[in-house]
Protein backbone atom coordinates (compact mmCIF):
# COMPACT_ATOMS: atom_id res chain seq x y z
CA UNK A 1 -0.20 0.07 -0.15
CA UNK A 2 1.36 3.42 -1.00
CA UNK A 3 0.02 6.51 0.53
CA UNK A 4 -0.01 9.93 -1.77
CA UNK A 5 -0.60 14.02 -0.16
CA UNK A 6 -1.93 16.35 -2.63
CA UNK A 7 -3.65 19.57 -2.60
CA UNK A 8 -6.34 21.22 -4.25
CA UNK A 9 -8.08 24.16 -4.81
CA UNK A 10 -11.48 25.80 -6.29
CA UNK A 11 -13.51 28.66 -7.25
CA UNK A 12 -16.93 28.80 -8.16
CA UNK A 13 -20.19 30.80 -8.48
CA UNK A 14 -23.60 29.61 -7.05
CA UNK A 15 -26.72 31.40 -9.05
CA UNK A 16 -29.83 31.31 -7.91
CA UNK A 17 -32.33 30.62 -10.78
CA UNK A 18 -35.70 31.58 -9.26
CA UNK A 19 -36.95 34.23 -6.72
CA UNK A 20 -39.57 31.37 -5.65
CA UNK A 21 -37.45 28.81 -4.07
CA UNK A 22 -33.92 28.29 -3.58
CA UNK A 23 -32.74 26.31 -6.24
CA UNK A 24 -29.56 27.20 -8.30
CA UNK A 25 -26.57 26.50 -10.54
CA UNK A 26 -23.03 26.36 -9.08
CA UNK A 27 -20.22 26.90 -12.02
CA UNK A 28 -16.85 25.78 -10.09
CA UNK A 29 -13.15 26.01 -11.64
CA UNK A 30 -10.55 23.65 -9.98
CA UNK A 31 -7.59 22.55 -10.18
CA UNK A 32 -6.16 18.95 -8.53
CA UNK A 33 -3.01 17.48 -8.00
CA UNK A 34 -4.03 14.12 -7.11
CA UNK A 35 -2.29 11.55 -8.85
CA UNK A 36 -4.53 8.60 -9.29
CA UNK A 37 -2.59 7.49 -12.49
CA UNK A 38 -1.14 4.91 -10.86
CA UNK A 39 -3.69 3.20 -9.09
CA UNK A 40 -5.81 3.40 -12.75
CA UNK A 41 -2.60 1.69 -14.90
CA UNK A 42 -2.46 -1.16 -12.23
CA UNK A 43 -6.06 -2.41 -13.02
CA UNK A 44 -6.04 -6.06 -14.10
CA UNK A 45 -7.65 -5.49 -17.62
CA UNK A 46 -5.49 -1.90 -18.17
CA UNK A 47 -3.29 -1.77 -20.97
CA UNK A 48 -2.96 2.02 -20.95
CA UNK A 49 -0.84 4.39 -18.57
CA UNK A 50 -3.51 7.17 -16.95
CA UNK A 51 -1.82 10.03 -15.41
CA UNK A 52 -4.30 12.47 -13.48
CA UNK A 53 -1.51 14.77 -12.05
CA UNK A 54 -2.25 18.51 -12.49
CA UNK A 55 -5.78 18.29 -13.39
CA UNK A 56 -7.54 21.34 -14.35
CA UNK A 57 -11.82 21.12 -14.83
CA UNK A 58 -14.77 22.90 -15.00
CA UNK A 59 -17.97 21.58 -13.11
CA UNK A 60 -21.55 22.42 -13.13
CA UNK A 61 -24.04 21.29 -10.53
CA UNK A 62 -27.65 21.81 -10.38
CA UNK A 63 -29.73 22.32 -6.92
CA UNK A 64 -33.17 21.65 -6.68
CA UNK A 65 -34.91 23.78 -4.07
CA UNK A 66 -37.59 23.59 -2.15
CA UNK A 67 -40.29 26.30 -1.77
CA UNK A 68 -39.43 29.59 0.11
CA UNK A 69 -41.16 30.56 3.09
CA UNK A 70 -43.28 33.94 3.47
């Protein structure tokens, strides 16, 4: 077994889509320094070498909200 440490950071924006409830859309840009490529490459049927170090990504999440209390 092998232990590895990494550091990731994200920057996001949450936008409410309605005045009637708390539904919102979140956009997030993230950077991750996790190296999982060695683990993926060691899978039984893997024939490809993977690298996941220094990954830059973009995520979009939609949150479904409930009716606001008046």
